[in-house]
Amino acid sequence: MEARREEFFMNILLCIDVLPTNNSGMTIRIESIFRKLAENHKVHFVYIGNSKMGEETRKIVQAFSSSFDQIFLKSKQNLLGRIFNILLFKHGHYRKYRFKEDYNSVRTKLRQLIVDNKIDVVHVFGCFTAQYVQGFADVFRIWDIADSYSLDMRRKMNVAPLRAKFNLWLCQIRLYNYEKEIINDFDKIIFVSNIDANEYRRLKAKNKILVIPNGVDLEYFNRNNAIKEDQNCLVFTGHMSFTPNIEAAQYFVESILPLIKKVKPKVKFFIVGADAGEKVKSLNNDIDIFVTGRVDDIRLYLDKASVFVNPMITGCGIKNKVLQAMAMQKAIVSTTLGAESISIANGKDILLADKTEEFADKIIQILTDSALRARLGEEARKTVESNYSWERTLTGYEEIYNLSKSN
């Protein structure tokens, strides 16, 4: 790690409840933002949870933090707790109602970290970490929630089988009440898109909400012209333990790919990403569908592919996978939902399709028309260069931190 200056502009306490792992969306955002912020600020990292930190995660954290702390959660939910959680309709996501002693212990430890490290800003990532610093009004607090969890739950409910709808509806109600109680307690709330932010603006937090989209490393994700595209190669990337990615892969293999194969029988489909479970692994046939698992460099697969497919039917927020494919000058076919938070123009830098047959037809069109494929890729690269560099994203964060000085 590079030597740091002796004097620091600001002391930041970064709080998360999920450890960053290789290539997850949260990791990309945290690492990209805080590596840069650490050049001018001192970052103290605290993880609230019981998972053990592996060597890979430790390297990620050490790259931007001056100190690391872990606060363990002692209470675990048993069968009785699950029943109580169901009955506790309004506040099921609050640990203070279910595990009050544990909840207070975490808050006490966080308060001590704030005092000991002379913290100027508490920067919270994720939805459920926010409850632990609720009411800490003497320190500037940023809730970097990124996506709207209640919107995500509603979308899952809309496509779920009937037997699952009640549980998802219950979760959505709890999330709404959780968000409603906490959101006005923070000084600033950050989302990656206006679509997600609008879910919270209805909770009367309009003046506190900022939209700062994810960026993409334009130098790293840059097309290698020495690698020739395979005209029969389609690729989909992402963290394959993430439910929307699982559902997208299944949908493509089961519904879209067979339509493409009728016209382009030599087409191969690659599902690239870490932590694939049985649902995704079962799609692999080693003939024309390949589940790679984690790879050292996804750029090799992106360079080889003629079309990047993004058949997302659930989820919310901005899709890093799409930004990366755009930076690599890939022709992309996506559902509207899969690209809704990105400033794209259908037909110019991407092709959008929401019906199964239309999605297949768009891919066949690109595979058949090399000029269209090249034009879409070139325009996609221009779009991310103009709107989605990490430098542009970091400007928004610096403005927030400058604002915190005057409070």
Protein backbone atom coordinates (compact mmCIF):
# COMPACT_ATOMS: atom_id res chain seq x y z
CA MET A 1 0.00 0.00 0.00
CA GLU A 2 1.28 3.46 -0.90
CA ALA A 3 2.56 5.72 1.86
CA ARG A 4 -0.07 8.08 3.22
CA ARG A 5 0.27 11.69 4.16
CA GLU A 6 0.75 12.51 7.82
CA GLU A 7 -2.20 14.90 7.85
CA PHE A 8 -5.63 13.82 6.69
CA PHE A 9 -8.42 15.91 5.32
CA MET A 10 -11.14 13.91 7.06
CA ASN A 11 -11.65 10.79 9.17
CA ILE A 12 -14.23 8.45 7.64
CA LEU A 13 -15.85 5.44 9.29
CA LEU A 14 -16.98 3.04 6.54
CA CYS A 15 -19.62 0.62 7.88
CA ILE A 16 -20.83 -2.47 6.03
CA ASP A 17 -22.62 -5.69 6.97
CA VAL A 18 -21.50 -7.77 3.96
CA LEU A 19 -17.83 -8.41 3.30
CA PRO A 20 -16.60 -7.24 -0.12
CA THR A 21 -15.78 -10.14 -2.43
CA ASN A 22 -14.14 -10.30 -5.81
CA ASN A 23 -16.14 -8.66 -8.63
CA SER A 24 -19.42 -8.23 -6.75
CA GLY A 25 -21.25 -5.01 -7.57
CA MET A 26 -20.83 -3.66 -4.05
CA THR A 27 -17.11 -4.45 -4.06
CA ILE A 28 -16.55 -2.68 -7.36
CA ARG A 29 -18.27 0.43 -6.04
CA ILE A 30 -16.61 0.46 -2.61
CA GLU A 31 -13.12 -0.32 -3.89
CA SER A 32 -13.26 2.17 -6.77
CA ILE A 33 -14.59 5.00 -4.60
CA PHE A 34 -12.54 4.51 -1.45
CA ARG A 35 -9.22 3.85 -3.14
CA LYS A 36 -9.48 7.37 -4.48
CA LEU A 37 -10.95 8.93 -1.34
CA ALA A 38 -8.13 7.37 0.71
CA GLU A 39 -5.65 9.61 -1.12
CA ASN A 40 -7.04 12.62 0.76
CA HIS A 41 -8.92 11.09 3.70
CA LYS A 42 -8.29 8.51 6.38
CA VAL A 43 -10.67 5.58 6.06
CA HIS A 44 -11.52 3.33 9.03
CA PHE A 45 -13.30 0.14 8.00
CA VAL A 46 -15.78 -1.70 10.24
CA TYR A 47 -17.63 -4.87 9.31
CA ILE A 48 -20.75 -5.79 11.31
CA GLY A 49 -21.28 -9.53 11.00
CA ASN A 50 -19.88 -12.97 11.74
CA SER A 51 -18.28 -14.05 8.45
CA LYS A 52 -14.54 -14.67 8.50
CA MET A 53 -12.41 -12.41 6.37
CA GLY A 54 -10.47 -14.36 3.75
CA GLU A 55 -7.14 -13.32 2.30
CA GLU A 56 -8.73 -11.95 -0.86
CA THR A 57 -11.13 -9.74 1.08
CA ARG A 58 -8.36 -8.62 3.40
CA LYS A 59 -6.32 -7.40 0.42
CA ILE A 60 -9.30 -5.47 -0.92
CA VAL A 61 -9.88 -3.74 2.42
CA GLN A 62 -6.20 -3.02 3.11
CA ALA A 63 -5.90 -1.24 -0.23
CA PHE A 64 -7.96 1.71 1.03
CA SER A 65 -8.31 1.52 4.83
CA SER A 66 -6.05 2.59 7.66
CA SER A 67 -7.69 0.31 10.22
CA PHE A 68 -10.08 -2.62 10.30
CA ASP A 69 -12.55 -3.65 12.98
CA GLN A 70 -15.17 -6.38 13.12
CA ILE A 71 -18.23 -6.27 15.37
CA PHE A 72 -19.73 -9.71 15.87
CA LEU A 73 -23.46 -10.32 16.18
CA LYS A 74 -24.17 -12.65 19.09
CA SER A 75 -27.86 -13.34 18.60
CA LYS A 76 -29.10 -15.83 16.02
CA GLN A 77 -32.70 -16.26 15.01
CA ASN A 78 -34.15 -19.62 16.03
CA LEU A 79 -37.54 -21.10 15.13
CA LEU A 80 -39.28 -19.05 17.81
CA GLY A 81 -37.55 -15.95 16.49
CA ARG A 82 -38.78 -16.66 12.97
CA ILE A 83 -42.35 -16.98 14.21
CA PHE A 84 -41.99 -13.74 16.17
CA ASN A 85 -40.54 -12.10 13.06
CA ILE A 86 -43.68 -13.01 11.11
CA LEU A 87 -45.92 -11.64 13.84
CA LEU A 88 -43.81 -8.48 14.09
CA PHE A 89 -45.37 -7.20 10.91
CA LYS A 90 -44.17 -3.62 10.90
CA HIS A 91 -40.62 -3.86 12.21
CA GLY A 92 -39.35 -7.29 11.16
CA HIS A 93 -36.07 -5.89 9.80
CA TYR A 94 -35.09 -4.08 12.99
CA ARG A 95 -32.70 -5.93 15.30
CA LYS A 96 -33.59 -3.50 18.08
CA TYR A 97 -37.03 -5.09 18.34
CA ARG A 98 -35.85 -8.71 18.13
CA PHE A 99 -32.33 -8.62 19.63
CA LYS A 100 -32.26 -5.48 21.74
CA GLU A 101 -29.15 -6.35 23.77
CA ASP A 102 -27.18 -7.25 20.65
CA TYR A 103 -28.40 -4.14 18.85
CA ASN A 104 -27.37 -1.86 21.72
CA SER A 105 -23.97 -3.56 21.97
CA VAL A 106 -23.21 -2.85 18.30
CA ARG A 107 -24.24 0.77 18.69
CA THR A 108 -22.03 1.18 21.77
CA LYS A 109 -19.00 -0.21 19.91
CA LEU A 110 -19.64 2.02 16.91
CA ARG A 111 -19.96 5.05 19.16
CA GLN A 112 -16.61 4.17 20.74
CA LEU A 113 -14.96 3.84 17.31
CA ILE A 114 -16.31 7.27 16.38
CA VAL A 115 -14.83 8.82 19.52
CA ASP A 116 -11.49 6.98 19.44
CA ASN A 117 -10.82 7.76 15.77
CA LYS A 118 -12.24 11.30 15.86
CA ILE A 119 -14.61 10.43 13.04
CA ASP A 120 -15.95 13.29 10.90
CA VAL A 121 -18.17 11.25 8.58
CA VAL A 122 -19.92 7.89 9.01
CA HIS A 123 -20.41 6.34 5.57
CA VAL A 124 -22.86 3.41 5.64
CA PHE A 125 -23.13 0.93 2.78
CA GLY A 126 -26.16 -1.29 2.33
CA CYS A 127 -29.69 -1.30 3.66
CA PHE A 128 -29.60 -2.89 7.11
CA THR A 129 -26.36 -1.37 8.42
CA ALA A 130 -28.12 1.99 8.69
CA GLN A 131 -30.12 1.04 11.79
CA TYR A 132 -26.97 0.85 13.94
CA VAL A 133 -26.14 4.56 13.56
CA GLN A 134 -29.70 5.84 13.74
CA GLY A 135 -29.84 8.84 16.04
CA PHE A 136 -26.09 9.61 15.92
CA ALA A 137 -26.92 13.22 15.11
CA ASP A 138 -23.58 14.66 16.29
CA VAL A 139 -21.70 13.19 13.31
CA PHE A 140 -22.36 13.64 9.60
CA ARG A 141 -23.88 10.42 8.24
CA ILE A 142 -24.15 9.21 4.64
CA TRP A 143 -26.37 6.28 3.73
CA ASP A 144 -24.99 4.79 0.51
CA ILE A 145 -27.90 2.46 -0.11
CA ALA A 146 -27.36 2.42 -3.91
CA ASP A 147 -30.53 0.46 -4.79
CA SER A 148 -34.11 0.57 -3.56
CA TYR A 149 -34.68 -2.68 -1.70
CA SER A 150 -38.45 -2.23 -1.57
CA LEU A 151 -38.55 -1.73 -5.36
CA ASP A 152 -36.50 -4.88 -5.84
CA MET A 153 -38.88 -6.83 -3.59
CA ARG A 154 -41.93 -5.57 -5.49
CA ARG A 155 -40.43 -6.66 -8.78
CA LYS A 156 -39.66 -10.10 -7.40
CA MET A 157 -43.23 -10.35 -6.18
CA ASN A 158 -44.60 -9.48 -9.64
CA VAL A 159 -42.88 -12.43 -11.34
CA ALA A 160 -42.96 -14.91 -8.44
CA PRO A 161 -45.22 -17.98 -8.41
CA LEU A 162 -48.40 -17.61 -6.38
CA ARG A 163 -47.07 -19.67 -3.45
CA ALA A 164 -44.22 -17.17 -2.91
CA LYS A 165 -46.15 -13.92 -3.35
CA PHE A 166 -47.40 -13.56 0.24
CA ASN A 167 -43.93 -13.86 1.79
CA LEU A 168 -42.49 -11.37 -0.72
CA TRP A 169 -45.37 -8.98 -0.09
CA LEU A 170 -44.72 -9.21 3.65
CA CYS A 171 -41.02 -8.49 3.11
CA GLN A 172 -41.86 -5.52 0.92
CA ILE A 173 -44.12 -4.03 3.59
CA ARG A 174 -41.42 -4.46 6.23
CA LEU A 175 -38.81 -2.87 3.98
CA TYR A 176 -41.07 0.09 3.32
CA ASN A 177 -41.61 0.67 7.05
CA TYR A 178 -37.91 0.25 7.78
CA GLU A 179 -36.98 2.75 5.06
CA LYS A 180 -39.67 5.18 6.17
CA GLU A 181 -38.44 5.25 9.76
CA ILE A 182 -34.72 5.58 9.01
CA ILE A 183 -34.39 7.66 5.87
CA ASN A 184 -34.96 11.10 7.36
CA ASP A 185 -32.41 10.42 10.09
CA PHE A 186 -29.43 10.65 7.70
CA ASP A 187 -27.78 13.77 6.33
CA LYS A 188 -27.42 12.42 2.79
CA ILE A 189 -28.71 9.33 1.00
CA ILE A 190 -27.03 8.10 -2.18
CA PHE A 191 -28.58 6.06 -4.99
CA VAL A 192 -27.13 4.90 -8.27
CA SER A 193 -30.19 5.85 -10.33
CA ASN A 194 -33.19 8.16 -10.35
CA ILE A 195 -35.54 5.18 -10.64
CA ASP A 196 -34.34 3.86 -7.28
CA ALA A 197 -34.14 7.33 -5.75
CA ASN A 198 -37.75 8.08 -6.66
CA GLU A 199 -38.86 5.25 -4.37
CA TYR A 200 -37.42 7.21 -1.44
CA ARG A 201 -38.42 10.67 -2.58
CA ARG A 202 -41.99 9.64 -1.86
CA LEU A 203 -40.89 9.26 1.79
CA LYS A 204 -40.34 13.03 2.05
CA ALA A 205 -36.55 12.85 1.95
CA LYS A 206 -36.24 14.72 -1.35
CA ASN A 207 -33.66 17.29 -0.24
CA LYS A 208 -31.36 14.64 1.23
CA ILE A 209 -31.22 12.34 -1.80
CA LEU A 210 -28.42 12.38 -4.33
CA VAL A 211 -27.94 10.21 -7.41
CA ILE A 212 -24.35 9.17 -8.07
CA PRO A 213 -24.14 6.38 -10.67
CA ASN A 214 -21.54 3.67 -10.74
CA GLY A 215 -18.59 4.12 -13.02
CA VAL A 216 -16.41 1.80 -15.05
CA ASP A 217 -12.63 1.56 -15.28
CA LEU A 218 -12.21 2.78 -18.86
CA GLU A 219 -8.54 1.93 -18.99
CA TYR A 220 -9.00 -1.64 -17.76
CA PHE A 221 -12.16 -2.40 -19.73
CA ASN A 222 -10.84 -1.52 -23.15
CA ARG A 223 -11.21 -3.69 -26.21
CA ASN A 224 -8.22 -5.77 -27.27
CA ASN A 225 -8.28 -5.63 -31.06
CA ALA A 226 -5.72 -8.44 -31.23
CA ILE A 227 -8.45 -10.87 -30.12
CA LYS A 228 -10.83 -11.78 -32.93
CA GLU A 229 -14.53 -11.99 -32.15
CA ASP A 230 -16.21 -15.36 -32.48
CA GLN A 231 -19.30 -14.71 -34.59
CA ASN A 232 -21.16 -17.51 -32.82
CA CYS A 233 -20.32 -16.47 -29.26
CA LEU A 234 -22.79 -14.93 -26.80
CA VAL A 235 -21.83 -14.00 -23.23
CA PHE A 236 -23.56 -13.06 -19.98
CA THR A 237 -21.54 -12.05 -16.92
CA GLY A 238 -22.24 -11.41 -13.25
CA HIS A 239 -22.07 -12.77 -9.74
CA MET A 240 -23.96 -16.03 -10.16
CA SER A 241 -25.20 -16.36 -6.58
CA PHE A 242 -27.24 -13.17 -7.15
CA THR A 243 -30.88 -14.18 -7.66
CA PRO A 244 -31.64 -11.78 -10.58
CA ASN A 245 -28.59 -13.15 -12.44
CA ILE A 246 -29.72 -16.73 -11.81
CA GLU A 247 -33.19 -15.94 -13.12
CA ALA A 248 -31.77 -14.15 -16.16
CA ALA A 249 -29.50 -17.07 -17.08
CA GLN A 250 -32.36 -19.56 -16.71
CA TYR A 251 -34.71 -17.41 -18.78
CA PHE A 252 -32.18 -17.05 -21.59
CA VAL A 253 -31.28 -20.73 -21.77
CA GLU A 254 -34.82 -22.02 -21.48
CA SER A 255 -36.73 -19.49 -23.59
CA ILE A 256 -34.48 -17.35 -25.81
CA LEU A 257 -31.56 -19.53 -26.82
CA PRO A 258 -33.72 -22.24 -28.47
CA LEU A 259 -35.20 -19.58 -30.79
CA ILE A 260 -31.73 -18.37 -31.77
CA LYS A 261 -30.52 -21.91 -32.41
CA LYS A 262 -33.24 -22.43 -35.01
CA VAL A 263 -31.58 -19.74 -37.17
CA LYS A 264 -28.00 -19.88 -35.88
CA PRO A 265 -27.40 -23.52 -34.83
CA LYS A 266 -23.68 -22.98 -34.16
CA VAL A 267 -24.25 -20.34 -31.48
CA LYS A 268 -22.51 -20.88 -28.11
CA PHE A 269 -23.55 -19.25 -24.87
CA PHE A 270 -21.12 -18.52 -22.02
CA ILE A 271 -22.31 -17.77 -18.47
CA VAL A 272 -19.32 -16.15 -16.76
CA GLY A 273 -19.18 -15.37 -13.04
CA ALA A 274 -18.26 -16.61 -9.58
CA ASP A 275 -20.28 -18.64 -7.09
CA ALA A 276 -22.63 -20.42 -9.46
CA GLY A 277 -25.00 -22.69 -7.57
CA GLU A 278 -26.74 -25.81 -8.79
CA LYS A 279 -29.46 -23.89 -10.64
CA VAL A 280 -26.85 -22.23 -12.85
CA LYS A 281 -24.45 -25.18 -13.05
CA SER A 282 -27.27 -27.40 -14.29
CA LEU A 283 -27.54 -25.21 -17.39
CA ASN A 284 -24.06 -26.25 -18.53
CA ASN A 285 -23.89 -28.96 -21.21
CA ASP A 286 -20.29 -28.51 -22.47
CA ILE A 287 -21.64 -28.43 -26.02
CA ASP A 288 -23.15 -25.03 -26.64
CA ILE A 289 -23.81 -23.78 -23.08
CA PHE A 290 -20.83 -23.22 -20.80
CA VAL A 291 -20.88 -22.18 -17.14
CA THR A 292 -17.33 -21.05 -16.43
CA GLY A 293 -17.51 -20.20 -12.74
CA ARG A 294 -15.05 -17.61 -11.55
CA VAL A 295 -12.47 -16.54 -14.13
CA ASP A 296 -9.30 -14.53 -13.66
CA ASP A 297 -10.14 -12.04 -16.40
CA ILE A 298 -13.64 -11.58 -17.81
CA ARG A 299 -12.24 -9.33 -20.54
CA LEU A 300 -11.08 -12.41 -22.44
CA TYR A 301 -14.69 -13.59 -22.71
CA LEU A 302 -15.99 -10.14 -23.56
CA ASP A 303 -13.38 -9.69 -26.28
CA LYS A 304 -14.32 -13.02 -27.82
CA ALA A 305 -18.09 -12.48 -27.77
CA SER A 306 -20.03 -11.03 -30.69
CA VAL A 307 -23.01 -10.14 -28.49
CA PHE A 308 -23.35 -9.39 -24.82
CA VAL A 309 -26.79 -10.44 -23.59
CA ASN A 310 -28.50 -9.02 -20.51
CA PRO A 311 -31.89 -10.75 -20.13
CA MET A 312 -32.66 -9.40 -16.65
CA ILE A 313 -36.28 -9.82 -15.53
CA THR A 314 -35.86 -8.83 -11.86
CA GLY A 315 -33.55 -6.58 -9.88
CA CYS A 316 -32.93 -2.86 -9.73
CA GLY A 317 -30.09 -0.37 -9.74
CA ILE A 318 -27.36 0.11 -12.30
CA LYS A 319 -25.79 -2.97 -13.92
CA ASN A 320 -21.99 -2.92 -13.78
CA LYS A 321 -21.93 -5.77 -16.28
CA VAL A 322 -23.57 -3.53 -18.90
CA LEU A 323 -21.15 -0.65 -18.27
CA GLN A 324 -18.23 -3.05 -18.61
CA ALA A 325 -19.55 -4.51 -21.87
CA MET A 326 -20.16 -1.01 -23.24
CA ALA A 327 -16.59 -0.02 -22.36
CA MET A 328 -15.37 -3.12 -24.22
CA GLN A 329 -17.29 -1.96 -27.33
CA LYS A 330 -19.68 -4.88 -27.28
CA ALA A 331 -22.97 -4.98 -29.14
CA ILE A 332 -25.55 -5.46 -26.38
CA VAL A 333 -29.09 -6.79 -26.29
CA SER A 334 -30.84 -6.13 -22.98
CA THR A 335 -34.28 -6.01 -21.46
CA THR A 336 -35.44 -2.50 -20.62
CA LEU A 337 -35.20 -3.34 -16.91
CA GLY A 338 -31.62 -4.53 -17.35
CA ALA A 339 -30.47 -1.16 -18.69
CA GLU A 340 -33.04 1.20 -17.18
CA SER A 341 -30.60 3.16 -15.02
CA ILE A 342 -28.08 3.83 -17.79
CA SER A 343 -28.23 6.78 -20.19
CA ILE A 344 -28.60 4.78 -23.38
CA ALA A 345 -30.54 5.24 -26.62
CA ASN A 346 -32.26 2.17 -28.03
CA GLY A 347 -30.96 1.48 -31.51
CA LYS A 348 -27.92 3.71 -31.10
CA ASP A 349 -25.65 2.20 -28.44
CA ILE A 350 -27.77 -0.79 -27.38
CA LEU A 351 -30.76 -2.83 -28.54
CA LEU A 352 -33.63 -3.29 -26.08
CA ALA A 353 -36.16 -6.11 -26.16
CA ASP A 354 -38.66 -7.25 -23.55
CA LYS A 355 -40.46 -10.03 -25.42
CA THR A 356 -38.79 -13.40 -25.82
CA GLU A 357 -39.11 -13.57 -29.60
CA GLU A 358 -37.97 -9.97 -30.01
CA PHE A 359 -34.91 -10.59 -27.81
CA ALA A 360 -33.90 -13.57 -29.98
CA ASP A 361 -34.52 -11.61 -33.20
CA LYS A 362 -32.30 -8.72 -32.03
CA ILE A 363 -29.43 -11.10 -31.32
CA ILE A 364 -29.81 -12.80 -34.69
CA GLN A 365 -29.85 -9.36 -36.34
CA ILE A 366 -26.51 -8.43 -34.73
CA LEU A 367 -24.94 -11.80 -35.52
CA THR A 368 -25.92 -11.36 -39.17
CA ASP A 369 -24.95 -7.69 -39.58
CA SER A 370 -21.27 -6.99 -38.82
CA ALA A 371 -21.66 -3.26 -39.57
CA LEU A 372 -24.47 -2.96 -37.00
CA ARG A 373 -22.38 -4.89 -34.48
CA ALA A 374 -19.43 -2.53 -34.92
CA ARG A 375 -21.57 0.63 -34.79
CA LEU A 376 -23.35 -0.40 -31.58
CA GLY A 377 -20.01 -1.17 -29.93
CA GLU A 378 -18.42 2.12 -30.94
CA GLU A 379 -21.40 4.16 -29.73
CA ALA A 380 -21.53 2.21 -26.46
CA ARG A 381 -17.91 3.10 -25.74
CA LYS A 382 -18.60 6.79 -26.43
CA THR A 383 -21.53 6.72 -24.00
CA VAL A 384 -19.54 5.38 -21.06
CA GLU A 385 -16.60 7.67 -21.81
CA SER A 386 -18.95 10.65 -21.58
CA ASN A 387 -21.03 9.62 -18.57
CA TYR A 388 -19.60 6.73 -16.55
CA SER A 389 -15.95 7.22 -15.69
CA TRP A 390 -15.06 6.70 -12.03
CA GLU A 391 -13.49 10.17 -12.05
CA ARG A 392 -16.92 11.65 -12.79
CA THR A 393 -18.49 9.55 -10.02
CA LEU A 394 -15.87 10.59 -7.48
CA THR A 395 -16.60 14.26 -8.09
CA GLY A 396 -20.06 13.69 -6.61
CA TYR A 397 -18.60 12.10 -3.50
CA GLU A 398 -16.09 14.88 -2.97
CA GLU A 399 -18.94 17.41 -3.11
CA ILE A 400 -20.74 15.53 -0.31
CA TYR A 401 -17.63 15.37 1.84
CA ASN A 402 -17.00 19.08 1.33
CA LEU A 403 -20.60 19.70 2.39
CA SER A 404 -20.04 17.71 5.59
CA LYS A 405 -17.32 20.15 6.66
CA SER A 406 -19.80 23.00 6.92
CA ASN A 407 -22.22 21.01 9.11
